[in-house]
Amino acid sequence: MSEKTLAPANGQNDFASSNPPEAEPGADGHTHETHCLNCGTALIGTHCHACGQRGHVHRTAGAFFHDLLHGALHFEGQTWRTLPMLAVRPGELTRRYIDGERARFVSPMALFLFAVFLMFAVFQVVGLTAPTEFNTGAADEMSEVAPEEALRELRAARANLGDDNPASVLLDSQIERMEGQAGEAAPANTNESGGHGKLASVKTGWAFLDHGIEKWQKNPGLMAYKLQANSYKFSWLLIPLSVPFVWLIFAWRRQFGIYDHAVFVTYSLSFMTLLFVLLTVLSAAGLSGGLLALAFTLIPPIHIYKQLRGAYSLSRFSAGWRMVALSIFILIIVLLFVNVLLLLGALG
């Protein structure tokens, strides 16, 4: 039967419905069709060459949970090929992906996003989170911020969150509690100079920066929450912030382009994030702080060195000095990233 005879006359694809026997699962829970159930094209391999769907679909509970894991965690063979190479042979992984082996490995961006998701999930489990009881000034010597000002801050933060955000429940509870106490709250303490609380107001002369400092002084808990939330949402900014510094140490090597550096940076950030997750879990499990500090000090530069050598085919000396340069640049990148987060927090 030719493909032409399979095409529906009305222009819509109703092949699967017109050929139900091929879509029925057998005793093993698998279908055994000869044509694609999605577009009706005759199968000549394990996948449809027209639309890309698998030639045989599974209708078992195991297949459902496999799809669930795949959708949530990209849980498939690519992962088990990528993670060991990322840990042991990062340079080879980077170079092979750049050279075109895309189906074999998890893409650097997908791996990075998964690593960031995993990191913040682990942080929630072990308790490394920003305070959920935002400072309303009720601690210590009553309020350092007038109740109405604190309420405005919290309401503004709540307006920026969707109803499906878990933090919105905490904010709603905090706002409700403050509104109930508004009539009973004592007036904010002021010093003789008229400033709020015991912290003298810092003035830099730059209105925008002064506004940000004032917000941190008034409600550090809320600002810490914003900082953590923004670090998750804008973690991808680490990639464009890092690429120019990698380009700088290869500026005279014209065979390497921005794409090479972007793949290098993204795989490197993925590894560092996963390493931080592992060390966090080990710390929660009670591993010695000294061992954790030693691992955090030694593993990143060694990994960067190995990735540089393999990805760019460098000599030991070339990889060594570039590793030292990148280690210095990383401090600058982190400072830039933190400043961007502070800026976003001040604007929020």
C-alpha atoms as a PDB file:
ATOM      1  CA  MET A   1       0.000   0.000   0.000  1.00  0.00           C
ATOM      2  CA  SER A   2       1.540   3.345  -1.028  1.00  0.00           C
ATOM      3  CA  GLU A   3       1.687   6.447   1.123  1.00  0.00           C
ATOM      4  CA  LYS A   4      -0.506   8.272  -1.365  1.00  0.00           C
ATOM      5  CA  THR A   5      -3.433   5.922  -0.773  1.00  0.00           C
ATOM      6  CA  LEU A   6      -3.124   6.499   2.956  1.00  0.00           C
ATOM      7  CA  ALA A   7      -3.550  10.273   2.775  1.00  0.00           C
ATOM      8  CA  PRO A   8      -7.092  11.365   3.694  1.00  0.00           C
ATOM      9  CA  ALA A   9      -9.057  13.110   0.960  1.00  0.00           C
ATOM     10  CA  ASN A  10     -10.344  15.887   3.206  1.00  0.00           C
ATOM     11  CA  GLY A  11      -6.846  17.125   4.068  1.00  0.00           C
ATOM     12  CA  GLN A  12      -7.061  15.976   7.693  1.00  0.00           C
ATOM     13  CA  ASN A  13      -5.149  13.038   9.041  1.00  0.00           C
ATOM     14  CA  ASP A  14      -7.554  10.400  10.259  1.00  0.00           C
ATOM     15  CA  PHE A  15      -5.390   7.391   9.499  1.00  0.00           C
ATOM     16  CA  ALA A  16      -5.274   6.109  13.065  1.00  0.00           C
ATOM     17  CA  SER A  17      -9.039   6.172  13.400  1.00  0.00           C
ATOM     18  CA  SER A  18      -9.541   4.459  10.035  1.00  0.00           C
ATOM     19  CA  ASN A  19      -7.125   1.641  10.915  1.00  0.00           C
ATOM     20  CA  PRO A  20      -7.985   0.698  14.520  1.00  0.00           C
ATOM     21  CA  PRO A  21      -6.553  -2.851  14.446  1.00  0.00           C
ATOM     22  CA  GLU A  22      -3.002  -1.529  14.200  1.00  0.00           C
ATOM     23  CA  ALA A  23      -3.515   0.683  17.263  1.00  0.00           C
ATOM     24  CA  GLU A  24      -4.702  -2.122  19.517  1.00  0.00           C
ATOM     25  CA  PRO A  25      -2.143  -3.273  22.109  1.00  0.00           C
ATOM     26  CA  GLY A  26      -1.107  -6.903  22.196  1.00  0.00           C
ATOM     27  CA  ALA A  27      -0.700  -9.125  25.226  1.00  0.00           C
ATOM     28  CA  ASP A  28       2.611  -7.446  26.065  1.00  0.00           C
ATOM     29  CA  GLY A  29       0.960  -4.029  26.247  1.00  0.00           C
ATOM     30  CA  HIS A  30       2.694  -2.816  23.075  1.00  0.00           C
ATOM     31  CA  THR A  31       1.128  -1.842  19.793  1.00  0.00           C
ATOM     32  CA  HIS A  32       2.421  -3.519  16.641  1.00  0.00           C
ATOM     33  CA  GLU A  33       1.440  -1.117  13.891  1.00  0.00           C
ATOM     34  CA  THR A  34       3.025  -0.845  10.457  1.00  0.00           C
ATOM     35  CA  HIS A  35       2.109   2.807   9.995  1.00  0.00           C
ATOM     36  CA  CYS A  36       2.675   5.818  12.241  1.00  0.00           C
ATOM     37  CA  LEU A  37      -0.265   6.346  14.589  1.00  0.00           C
ATOM     38  CA  ASN A  38       0.385  10.090  14.565  1.00  0.00           C
ATOM     39  CA  CYS A  39       0.541  10.917  10.837  1.00  0.00           C
ATOM     40  CA  GLY A  40      -0.176   7.647   9.019  1.00  0.00           C
ATOM     41  CA  THR A  41       3.147   7.387   7.202  1.00  0.00           C
ATOM     42  CA  ALA A  42       4.334   3.851   6.466  1.00  0.00           C
ATOM     43  CA  LEU A  43       7.061   2.882   8.944  1.00  0.00           C
ATOM     44  CA  ILE A  44      10.489   1.959   7.645  1.00  0.00           C
ATOM     45  CA  GLY A  45      12.323   1.992  10.977  1.00  0.00           C
ATOM     46  CA  THR A  46      11.888   2.432  14.699  1.00  0.00           C
ATOM     47  CA  HIS A  47      10.723   6.030  14.259  1.00  0.00           C
ATOM     48  CA  CYS A  48       8.472   7.722  11.743  1.00  0.00           C
ATOM     49  CA  HIS A  49      10.649   9.510   9.208  1.00  0.00           C
ATOM     50  CA  ALA A  50       7.907  12.116   8.600  1.00  0.00           C
ATOM     51  CA  CYS A  51       6.983  13.309  12.096  1.00  0.00           C
ATOM     52  CA  GLY A  52       9.606  11.658  14.327  1.00  0.00           C
ATOM     53  CA  GLN A  53       7.225   9.728  16.599  1.00  0.00           C
ATOM     54  CA  ARG A  54       8.289   6.284  17.797  1.00  0.00           C
ATOM     55  CA  GLY A  55       7.036   3.504  15.607  1.00  0.00           C
ATOM     56  CA  HIS A  56       5.615   1.505  18.509  1.00  0.00           C
ATOM     57  CA  VAL A  57       3.924   3.039  21.510  1.00  0.00           C
ATOM     58  CA  HIS A  58       3.582   1.447  24.936  1.00  0.00           C
ATOM     59  CA  ARG A  59       0.342   1.281  26.912  1.00  0.00           C
ATOM     60  CA  THR A  60       1.524  -0.017  30.242  1.00  0.00           C
ATOM     61  CA  ALA A  61       1.792   1.465  33.719  1.00  0.00           C
ATOM     62  CA  GLY A  62       5.567   1.218  33.425  1.00  0.00           C
ATOM     63  CA  ALA A  63       5.480   3.262  30.222  1.00  0.00           C
ATOM     64  CA  PHE A  64       3.379   5.921  31.943  1.00  0.00           C
ATOM     65  CA  PHE A  65       5.841   6.289  34.837  1.00  0.00           C
ATOM     66  CA  HIS A  66       8.737   6.323  32.385  1.00  0.00           C
ATOM     67  CA  ASP A  67       7.079   9.259  30.599  1.00  0.00           C
ATOM     68  CA  LEU A  68       6.552  10.939  33.979  1.00  0.00           C
ATOM     69  CA  LEU A  69      10.216  10.605  34.914  1.00  0.00           C
ATOM     70  CA  HIS A  70      11.328  11.633  31.457  1.00  0.00           C
ATOM     71  CA  GLY A  71       9.150  14.731  31.532  1.00  0.00           C
ATOM     72  CA  ALA A  72      10.207  15.763  35.044  1.00  0.00           C
ATOM     73  CA  LEU A  73      13.872  14.782  35.080  1.00  0.00           C
ATOM     74  CA  HIS A  74      14.887  14.052  31.476  1.00  0.00           C
ATOM     75  CA  PHE A  75      15.427  10.559  32.838  1.00  0.00           C
ATOM     76  CA  GLU A  76      16.833   8.614  29.909  1.00  0.00           C
ATOM     77  CA  GLY A  77      19.997   7.159  28.405  1.00  0.00           C
ATOM     78  CA  GLN A  78      21.370  10.597  27.519  1.00  0.00           C
ATOM     79  CA  THR A  79      21.558  11.447  31.206  1.00  0.00           C
ATOM     80  CA  TRP A  80      23.617   8.398  32.121  1.00  0.00           C
ATOM     81  CA  ARG A  81      26.020   9.087  29.271  1.00  0.00           C
ATOM     82  CA  THR A  82      26.303  12.790  30.070  1.00  0.00           C
ATOM     83  CA  LEU A  83      26.722  12.895  33.850  1.00  0.00           C
ATOM     84  CA  PRO A  84      29.711  10.517  34.145  1.00  0.00           C
ATOM     85  CA  MET A  85      31.519  12.329  31.336  1.00  0.00           C
ATOM     86  CA  LEU A  86      30.688  15.705  32.873  1.00  0.00           C
ATOM     87  CA  ALA A  87      32.333  14.573  36.104  1.00  0.00           C
ATOM     88  CA  VAL A  88      35.342  12.664  34.742  1.00  0.00           C
ATOM     89  CA  ARG A  89      35.930  13.838  31.159  1.00  0.00           C
ATOM     90  CA  PRO A  90      34.277  17.267  30.889  1.00  0.00           C
ATOM     91  CA  GLY A  91      36.548  18.464  28.101  1.00  0.00           C
ATOM     92  CA  GLU A  92      35.740  15.502  25.884  1.00  0.00           C
ATOM     93  CA  LEU A  93      32.017  15.945  26.558  1.00  0.00           C
ATOM     94  CA  THR A  94      32.214  19.639  25.631  1.00  0.00           C
ATOM     95  CA  ARG A  95      34.185  19.028  22.444  1.00  0.00           C
ATOM     96  CA  ARG A  96      32.019  16.125  21.272  1.00  0.00           C
ATOM     97  CA  TYR A  97      28.848  18.140  21.788  1.00  0.00           C
ATOM     98  CA  ILE A  98      30.307  21.124  19.930  1.00  0.00           C
ATOM     99  CA  ASP A  99      31.419  18.860  17.079  1.00  0.00           C
ATOM    100  CA  GLY A 100      27.878  17.613  16.561  1.00  0.00           C
ATOM    101  CA  GLU A 101      27.110  14.649  18.856  1.00  0.00           C
ATOM    102  CA  ARG A 102      23.818  16.140  20.028  1.00  0.00           C
ATOM    103  CA  ALA A 103      21.526  13.107  20.275  1.00  0.00           C
ATOM    104  CA  ARG A 104      23.988  11.215  22.465  1.00  0.00           C
ATOM    105  CA  PHE A 105      24.216  13.786  25.278  1.00  0.00           C
ATOM    106  CA  VAL A 106      21.919  16.077  27.263  1.00  0.00           C
ATOM    107  CA  SER A 107      22.206  19.596  25.911  1.00  0.00           C
ATOM    108  CA  PRO A 108      24.169  21.973  28.153  1.00  0.00           C
ATOM    109  CA  MET A 109      21.209  24.326  28.663  1.00  0.00           C
ATOM    110  CA  ALA A 110      18.800  21.518  29.587  1.00  0.00           C
ATOM    111  CA  LEU A 111      21.349  20.137  32.045  1.00  0.00           C
ATOM    112  CA  PHE A 112      21.955  23.567  33.562  1.00  0.00           C
ATOM    113  CA  LEU A 113      18.254  24.249  34.103  1.00  0.00           C
ATOM    114  CA  PHE A 114      17.789  20.821  35.667  1.00  0.00           C
ATOM    115  CA  ALA A 115      20.784  21.409  37.962  1.00  0.00           C
ATOM    116  CA  VAL A 116      19.371  24.758  39.113  1.00  0.00           C
ATOM    117  CA  PHE A 117      15.956  23.202  39.731  1.00  0.00           C
ATOM    118  CA  LEU A 118      17.561  20.381  41.719  1.00  0.00           C
ATOM    119  CA  MET A 119      19.681  22.803  43.749  1.00  0.00           C
ATOM    120  CA  PHE A 120      16.737  24.861  44.951  1.00  0.00           C
ATOM    121  CA  ALA A 121      14.660  21.739  45.603  1.00  0.00           C
ATOM    122  CA  VAL A 122      17.465  20.385  47.808  1.00  0.00           C
ATOM    123  CA  PHE A 123      17.778  23.768  49.530  1.00  0.00           C
ATOM    124  CA  GLN A 124      14.103  23.589  50.449  1.00  0.00           C
ATOM    125  CA  VAL A 125      14.514  20.085  51.863  1.00  0.00           C
ATOM    126  CA  VAL A 126      17.580  20.865  53.996  1.00  0.00           C
ATOM    127  CA  GLY A 127      16.312  24.287  55.077  1.00  0.00           C
ATOM    128  CA  LEU A 128      18.735  26.572  53.221  1.00  0.00           C
ATOM    129  CA  THR A 129      16.087  29.139  52.387  1.00  0.00           C
ATOM    130  CA  ALA A 130      15.443  32.800  52.964  1.00  0.00           C
ATOM    131  CA  PRO A 131      13.387  33.586  56.090  1.00  0.00           C
ATOM    132  CA  THR A 132       9.664  33.106  55.648  1.00  0.00           C
ATOM    133  CA  GLU A 133       8.807  35.302  58.634  1.00  0.00           C
ATOM    134  CA  PHE A 134       9.617  38.612  57.016  1.00  0.00           C
ATOM    135  CA  ASN A 135      10.820  41.369  59.310  1.00  0.00           C
ATOM    136  CA  THR A 136       7.898  43.559  60.223  1.00  0.00           C
ATOM    137  CA  GLY A 137       9.766  45.300  63.007  1.00  0.00           C
ATOM    138  CA  ALA A 138       8.017  43.449  65.817  1.00  0.00           C
ATOM    139  CA  ALA A 139      11.193  41.826  67.080  1.00  0.00           C
ATOM    140  CA  ASP A 140      13.661  43.341  69.510  1.00  0.00           C
ATOM    141  CA  GLU A 141      12.506  46.813  70.541  1.00  0.00           C
ATOM    142  CA  MET A 142       9.212  46.851  68.628  1.00  0.00           C
ATOM    143  CA  SER A 143       9.175  48.046  65.042  1.00  0.00           C
ATOM    144  CA  GLU A 144      12.022  49.705  63.191  1.00  0.00           C
ATOM    145  CA  VAL A 145       9.581  50.309  60.347  1.00  0.00           C
ATOM    146  CA  ALA A 146       6.136  51.828  60.651  1.00  0.00           C
ATOM    147  CA  PRO A 147       3.491  49.058  60.342  1.00  0.00           C
ATOM    148  CA  GLU A 148       1.843  50.690  57.357  1.00  0.00           C
ATOM    149  CA  GLU A 149       5.187  50.846  55.530  1.00  0.00           C
ATOM    150  CA  ALA A 150       5.892  47.188  56.229  1.00  0.00           C
ATOM    151  CA  LEU A 151       2.407  46.283  55.030  1.00  0.00           C
ATOM    152  CA  ARG A 152       2.963  48.189  51.809  1.00  0.00           C
ATOM    153  CA  GLU A 153       6.205  46.289  51.233  1.00  0.00           C
ATOM    154  CA  LEU A 154       4.540  42.924  51.788  1.00  0.00           C
ATOM    155  CA  ARG A 155       1.532  43.773  49.643  1.00  0.00           C
ATOM    156  CA  ALA A 156       3.808  44.890  46.818  1.00  0.00           C
ATOM    157  CA  ALA A 157       5.736  41.618  47.053  1.00  0.00           C
ATOM    158  CA  ARG A 158       2.479  39.637  47.092  1.00  0.00           C
ATOM    159  CA  ALA A 159       1.208  41.441  43.991  1.00  0.00           C
ATOM    160  CA  ASN A 160       4.230  40.172  42.052  1.00  0.00           C
ATOM    161  CA  LEU A 161       3.521  36.517  42.918  1.00  0.00           C
ATOM    162  CA  GLY A 162       1.006  34.259  41.242  1.00  0.00           C
ATOM    163  CA  ASP A 163      -1.571  32.383  43.284  1.00  0.00           C
ATOM    164  CA  ASP A 164       0.187  29.104  42.445  1.00  0.00           C
ATOM    165  CA  ASN A 165       3.460  30.249  44.019  1.00  0.00           C
ATOM    166  CA  PRO A 166       4.001  28.532  47.418  1.00  0.00           C
ATOM    167  CA  ALA A 167       5.438  31.744  48.836  1.00  0.00           C
ATOM    168  CA  SER A 168       2.136  33.528  48.240  1.00  0.00           C
ATOM    169  CA  VAL A 169       0.526  31.546  51.067  1.00  0.00           C
ATOM    170  CA  LEU A 170       3.230  32.700  53.481  1.00  0.00           C
ATOM    171  CA  LEU A 171       2.849  36.299  52.400  1.00  0.00           C
ATOM    172  CA  ASP A 172      -0.949  36.161  52.689  1.00  0.00           C
ATOM    173  CA  SER A 173      -0.624  34.788  56.222  1.00  0.00           C
ATOM    174  CA  GLN A 174       1.904  37.454  57.182  1.00  0.00           C
ATOM    175  CA  ILE A 175      -0.209  40.264  55.741  1.00  0.00           C
ATOM    176  CA  GLU A 176      -3.343  39.004  57.505  1.00  0.00           C
ATOM    177  CA  ARG A 177      -1.492  38.761  60.830  1.00  0.00           C
ATOM    178  CA  MET A 178      -0.099  42.288  60.476  1.00  0.00           C
ATOM    179  CA  GLU A 179      -3.484  43.720  59.539  1.00  0.00           C
ATOM    180  CA  GLY A 180      -4.966  42.123  62.653  1.00  0.00           C
ATOM    181  CA  GLN A 181      -2.255  43.646  64.825  1.00  0.00           C
ATOM    182  CA  ALA A 182      -2.258  47.049  63.158  1.00  0.00           C
ATOM    183  CA  GLY A 183      -4.487  48.605  65.802  1.00  0.00           C
ATOM    184  CA  GLU A 184      -2.419  47.180  68.644  1.00  0.00           C
ATOM    185  CA  ALA A 185       1.076  47.837  67.323  1.00  0.00           C
ATOM    186  CA  ALA A 186       3.187  50.413  69.085  1.00  0.00           C
ATOM    187  CA  PRO A 187       4.523  53.306  67.022  1.00  0.00           C
ATOM    188  CA  ALA A 188       7.901  52.836  65.436  1.00  0.00           C
ATOM    189  CA  ASN A 189      10.876  53.762  67.539  1.00  0.00           C
ATOM    190  CA  THR A 190      12.665  56.849  66.398  1.00  0.00           C
ATOM    191  CA  ASN A 191      15.906  58.303  67.551  1.00  0.00           C
ATOM    192  CA  GLU A 192      16.419  61.918  68.437  1.00  0.00           C
ATOM    193  CA  SER A 193      17.517  62.776  64.940  1.00  0.00           C
ATOM    194  CA  GLY A 194      14.196  61.587  63.552  1.00  0.00           C
ATOM    195  CA  GLY A 195      15.534  58.485  61.768  1.00  0.00           C
ATOM    196  CA  HIS A 196      13.876  55.079  62.029  1.00  0.00           C
ATOM    197  CA  GLY A 197      15.310  52.567  64.486  1.00  0.00           C
ATOM    198  CA  LYS A 198      18.827  52.324  65.745  1.00  0.00           C
ATOM    199  CA  LEU A 199      20.492  52.115  62.313  1.00  0.00           C
ATOM    200  CA  ALA A 200      21.431  55.478  60.978  1.00  0.00           C
ATOM    201  CA  SER A 201      20.251  55.983  57.412  1.00  0.00           C
ATOM    202  CA  VAL A 202      23.131  55.559  54.954  1.00  0.00           C
ATOM    203  CA  LYS A 203      23.212  58.206  52.248  1.00  0.00           C
ATOM    204  CA  THR A 204      25.425  57.832  49.179  1.00  0.00           C
ATOM    205  CA  GLY A 205      24.044  60.706  47.164  1.00  0.00           C
ATOM    206  CA  TRP A 206      22.772  58.347  44.452  1.00  0.00           C
ATOM    207  CA  ALA A 207      18.992  58.349  44.865  1.00  0.00           C
ATOM    208  CA  PHE A 208      18.455  54.909  43.360  1.00  0.00           C
ATOM    209  CA  LEU A 209      21.145  53.257  45.523  1.00  0.00           C
ATOM    210  CA  ASP A 210      19.916  55.086  48.621  1.00  0.00           C
ATOM    211  CA  HIS A 211      16.419  53.762  47.961  1.00  0.00           C
ATOM    212  CA  GLY A 212      17.771  50.213  47.739  1.00  0.00           C
ATOM    213  CA  ILE A 213      19.736  50.572  50.978  1.00  0.00           C
ATOM    214  CA  GLU A 214      16.660  51.968  52.705  1.00  0.00           C
ATOM    215  CA  LYS A 215      14.591  48.965  51.607  1.00  0.00           C
ATOM    216  CA  TRP A 216      17.226  46.561  52.946  1.00  0.00           C
ATOM    217  CA  GLN A 217      17.322  48.403  56.275  1.00  0.00           C
ATOM    218  CA  LYS A 218      13.560  48.456  56.617  1.00  0.00           C
ATOM    219  CA  ASN A 219      12.900  44.817  55.799  1.00  0.00           C
ATOM    220  CA  PRO A 220      16.011  42.647  55.374  1.00  0.00           C
ATOM    221  CA  GLY A 221      13.992  39.438  55.577  1.00  0.00           C
ATOM    222  CA  LEU A 222      11.815  40.403  52.629  1.00  0.00           C
ATOM    223  CA  MET A 223      14.823  41.543  50.608  1.00  0.00           C
ATOM    224  CA  ALA A 224      16.655  38.291  51.366  1.00  0.00           C
ATOM    225  CA  TYR A 225      13.631  36.419  50.048  1.00  0.00           C
ATOM    226  CA  LYS A 226      13.655  38.524  46.883  1.00  0.00           C
ATOM    227  CA  LEU A 227      17.387  37.890  46.480  1.00  0.00           C
ATOM    228  CA  GLN A 228      16.916  34.126  46.659  1.00  0.00           C
ATOM    229  CA  ALA A 229      13.899  34.152  44.347  1.00  0.00           C
ATOM    230  CA  ASN A 230      15.737  36.277  41.788  1.00  0.00           C
ATOM    231  CA  SER A 231      18.834  34.092  41.967  1.00  0.00           C
ATOM    232  CA  TYR A 232      16.659  31.184  40.833  1.00  0.00           C
ATOM    233  CA  LYS A 233      14.771  33.053  38.126  1.00  0.00           C
ATOM    234  CA  PHE A 234      17.831  34.791  36.709  1.00  0.00           C
ATOM    235  CA  SER A 235      20.481  32.091  37.192  1.00  0.00           C
ATOM    236  CA  TRP A 236      20.781  31.880  33.397  1.00  0.00           C
ATOM    237  CA  LEU A 237      22.412  35.335  33.485  1.00  0.00           C
ATOM    238  CA  LEU A 238      25.581  33.610  34.693  1.00  0.00           C
ATOM    239  CA  ILE A 239      26.054  32.288  31.154  1.00  0.00           C
ATOM    240  CA  PRO A 240      26.175  35.630  29.257  1.00  0.00           C
ATOM    241  CA  LEU A 241      28.166  37.140  32.129  1.00  0.00           C
ATOM    242  CA  SER A 242      30.780  34.363  31.899  1.00  0.00           C
ATOM    243  CA  VAL A 243      31.178  33.935  28.130  1.00  0.00           C
ATOM    244  CA  PRO A 244      33.062  37.250  27.540  1.00  0.00           C
ATOM    245  CA  PHE A 245      35.682  36.291  30.144  1.00  0.00           C
ATOM    246  CA  VAL A 246      36.260  32.900  28.501  1.00  0.00           C
ATOM    247  CA  TRP A 247      36.471  34.610  25.126  1.00  0.00           C
ATOM    248  CA  LEU A 248      39.079  36.963  26.587  1.00  0.00           C
ATOM    249  CA  ILE A 249      41.534  34.163  27.359  1.00  0.00           C
ATOM    250  CA  PHE A 250      41.107  32.781  23.815  1.00  0.00           C
ATOM    251  CA  ALA A 251      40.896  36.100  21.956  1.00  0.00           C
ATOM    252  CA  TRP A 252      43.865  35.251  19.692  1.00  0.00           C
ATOM    253  CA  ARG A 253      42.681  31.684  18.993  1.00  0.00           C
ATOM    254  CA  ARG A 254      40.349  32.356  16.079  1.00  0.00           C
ATOM    255  CA  GLN A 255      39.319  28.717  15.668  1.00  0.00           C
ATOM    256  CA  PHE A 256      37.221  28.983  18.826  1.00  0.00           C
ATOM    257  CA  GLY A 257      34.039  31.023  18.650  1.00  0.00           C
ATOM    258  CA  ILE A 258      31.372  32.294  21.006  1.00  0.00           C
ATOM    259  CA  TYR A 259      29.380  29.083  20.580  1.00  0.00           C
ATOM    260  CA  ASP A 260      32.321  26.985  21.831  1.00  0.00           C
ATOM    261  CA  HIS A 261      32.664  29.214  24.866  1.00  0.00           C
ATOM    262  CA  ALA A 262      28.918  29.155  25.583  1.00  0.00           C
ATOM    263  CA  VAL A 263      28.859  25.337  25.591  1.00  0.00           C
ATOM    264  CA  PHE A 264      31.979  25.275  27.773  1.00  0.00           C
ATOM    265  CA  VAL A 265      30.502  27.750  30.276  1.00  0.00           C
ATOM    266  CA  THR A 266      27.101  26.078  30.476  1.00  0.00           C
ATOM    267  CA  TYR A 267      28.486  22.585  31.061  1.00  0.00           C
ATOM    268  CA  SER A 268      30.906  24.001  33.629  1.00  0.00           C
ATOM    269  CA  LEU A 269      28.120  25.836  35.497  1.00  0.00           C
ATOM    270  CA  SER A 270      26.032  22.660  35.411  1.00  0.00           C
ATOM    271  CA  PHE A 271      28.821  20.683  37.051  1.00  0.00           C
ATOM    272  CA  MET A 272      29.488  23.329  39.706  1.00  0.00           C
ATOM    273  CA  THR A 273      25.780  23.495  40.550  1.00  0.00           C
ATOM    274  CA  LEU A 274      25.502  19.708  40.846  1.00  0.00           C
ATOM    275  CA  LEU A 275      28.683  19.642  42.941  1.00  0.00           C
ATOM    276  CA  PHE A 276      27.189  22.221  45.290  1.00  0.00           C
ATOM    277  CA  VAL A 277      24.029  20.121  45.558  1.00  0.00           C
ATOM    278  CA  LEU A 278      26.090  17.032  46.426  1.00  0.00           C
ATOM    279  CA  LEU A 279      28.130  18.877  49.053  1.00  0.00           C
ATOM    280  CA  THR A 280      24.930  20.316  50.549  1.00  0.00           C
ATOM    281  CA  VAL A 281      23.423  16.840  50.875  1.00  0.00           C
ATOM    282  CA  LEU A 282      26.650  15.476  52.390  1.00  0.00           C
ATOM    283  CA  SER A 283      26.715  18.357  54.856  1.00  0.00           C
ATOM    284  CA  ALA A 284      23.127  17.628  55.890  1.00  0.00           C
ATOM    285  CA  ALA A 285      24.119  13.970  56.299  1.00  0.00           C
ATOM    286  CA  GLY A 286      26.811  14.987  58.804  1.00  0.00           C
ATOM    287  CA  LEU A 287      30.029  14.847  56.760  1.00  0.00           C
ATOM    288  CA  SER A 288      32.941  16.735  58.293  1.00  0.00           C
ATOM    289  CA  GLY A 289      33.033  20.426  57.453  1.00  0.00           C
ATOM    290  CA  GLY A 290      36.769  20.206  56.851  1.00  0.00           C
ATOM    291  CA  LEU A 291      36.344  17.548  54.181  1.00  0.00           C
ATOM    292  CA  LEU A 292      33.567  19.531  52.535  1.00  0.00           C
ATOM    293  CA  ALA A 293      35.712  22.672  52.492  1.00  0.00           C
ATOM    294  CA  LEU A 294      38.626  20.721  51.014  1.00  0.00           C
ATOM    295  CA  ALA A 295      36.397  19.284  48.278  1.00  0.00           C
ATOM    296  CA  PHE A 296      34.908  22.704  47.503  1.00  0.00           C
ATOM    297  CA  THR A 297      38.414  24.187  47.283  1.00  0.00           C
ATOM    298  CA  LEU A 298      40.084  21.519  45.130  1.00  0.00           C
ATOM    299  CA  ILE A 299      37.433  20.037  42.844  1.00  0.00           C
ATOM    300  CA  PRO A 300      36.327  23.184  40.918  1.00  0.00           C
ATOM    301  CA  PRO A 301      39.801  24.248  39.698  1.00  0.00           C
ATOM    302  CA  ILE A 302      40.724  20.669  38.796  1.00  0.00           C
ATOM    303  CA  HIS A 303      37.496  20.310  36.841  1.00  0.00           C
ATOM    304  CA  ILE A 304      38.036  23.620  35.016  1.00  0.00           C
ATOM    305  CA  TYR A 305      41.588  22.555  34.153  1.00  0.00           C
ATOM    306  CA  LYS A 306      40.458  19.201  32.739  1.00  0.00           C
ATOM    307  CA  GLN A 307      37.606  20.785  30.797  1.00  0.00           C
ATOM    308  CA  LEU A 308      39.921  23.403  29.286  1.00  0.00           C
ATOM    309  CA  ARG A 309      42.466  20.800  28.196  1.00  0.00           C
ATOM    310  CA  GLY A 310      39.926  18.525  26.560  1.00  0.00           C
ATOM    311  CA  ALA A 311      37.576  21.095  25.052  1.00  0.00           C
ATOM    312  CA  TYR A 312      40.292  23.279  23.505  1.00  0.00           C
ATOM    313  CA  SER A 313      43.128  20.727  23.049  1.00  0.00           C
ATOM    314  CA  LEU A 314      45.518  22.729  25.225  1.00  0.00           C
ATOM    315  CA  SER A 315      48.901  21.853  26.657  1.00  0.00           C
ATOM    316  CA  ARG A 316      49.269  21.537  30.419  1.00  0.00           C
ATOM    317  CA  PHE A 317      50.806  24.998  30.679  1.00  0.00           C
ATOM    318  CA  SER A 318      48.119  26.661  28.513  1.00  0.00           C
ATOM    319  CA  ALA A 319      45.334  25.008  30.458  1.00  0.00           C
ATOM    320  CA  GLY A 320      47.030  25.851  33.767  1.00  0.00           C
ATOM    321  CA  TRP A 321      47.363  29.595  33.313  1.00  0.00           C
ATOM    322  CA  ARG A 322      43.880  29.839  31.810  1.00  0.00           C
ATOM    323  CA  MET A 323      42.494  27.971  34.818  1.00  0.00           C
ATOM    324  CA  VAL A 324      44.135  30.502  37.145  1.00  0.00           C
ATOM    325  CA  ALA A 325      42.788  33.396  35.077  1.00  0.00           C
ATOM    326  CA  LEU A 326      39.273  31.924  35.073  1.00  0.00           C
ATOM    327  CA  SER A 327      39.420  31.391  38.830  1.00  0.00           C
ATOM    328  CA  ILE A 328      40.026  35.131  39.225  1.00  0.00           C
ATOM    329  CA  PHE A 329      37.365  35.989  36.680  1.00  0.00           C
ATOM    330  CA  ILE A 330      34.849  33.814  38.531  1.00  0.00           C
ATOM    331  CA  LEU A 331      35.075  36.155  41.533  1.00  0.00           C
ATOM    332  CA  ILE A 332      34.291  39.102  39.249  1.00  0.00           C
ATOM    333  CA  ILE A 333      31.410  37.212  37.618  1.00  0.00           C
ATOM    334  CA  VAL A 334      29.895  36.335  41.003  1.00  0.00           C
ATOM    335  CA  LEU A 335      30.150  39.966  42.130  1.00  0.00           C
ATOM    336  CA  LEU A 336      28.474  41.138  38.915  1.00  0.00           C
ATOM    337  CA  PHE A 337      25.709  38.565  39.327  1.00  0.00           C
ATOM    338  CA  VAL A 338      25.070  39.525  42.958  1.00  0.00           C
ATOM    339  CA  ASN A 339      24.925  43.192  41.995  1.00  0.00           C
ATOM    340  CA  VAL A 340      22.359  42.405  39.295  1.00  0.00           C
ATOM    341  CA  LEU A 341      20.279  40.532  41.884  1.00  0.00           C
ATOM    342  CA  LEU A 342      20.521  43.452  44.319  1.00  0.00           C
ATOM    343  CA  LEU A 343      19.473  45.803  41.551  1.00  0.00           C
ATOM    344  CA  LEU A 344      16.477  43.641  40.711  1.00  0.00           C
ATOM    345  CA  GLY A 345      15.572  43.449  44.401  1.00  0.00           C
ATOM    346  CA  ALA A 346      15.717  47.212  44.747  1.00  0.00           C
ATOM    347  CA  LEU A 347      13.515  47.647  41.681  1.00  0.00           C
ATOM    348  CA  GLY A 348      10.972  45.034  42.863  1.00  0.00           C
END
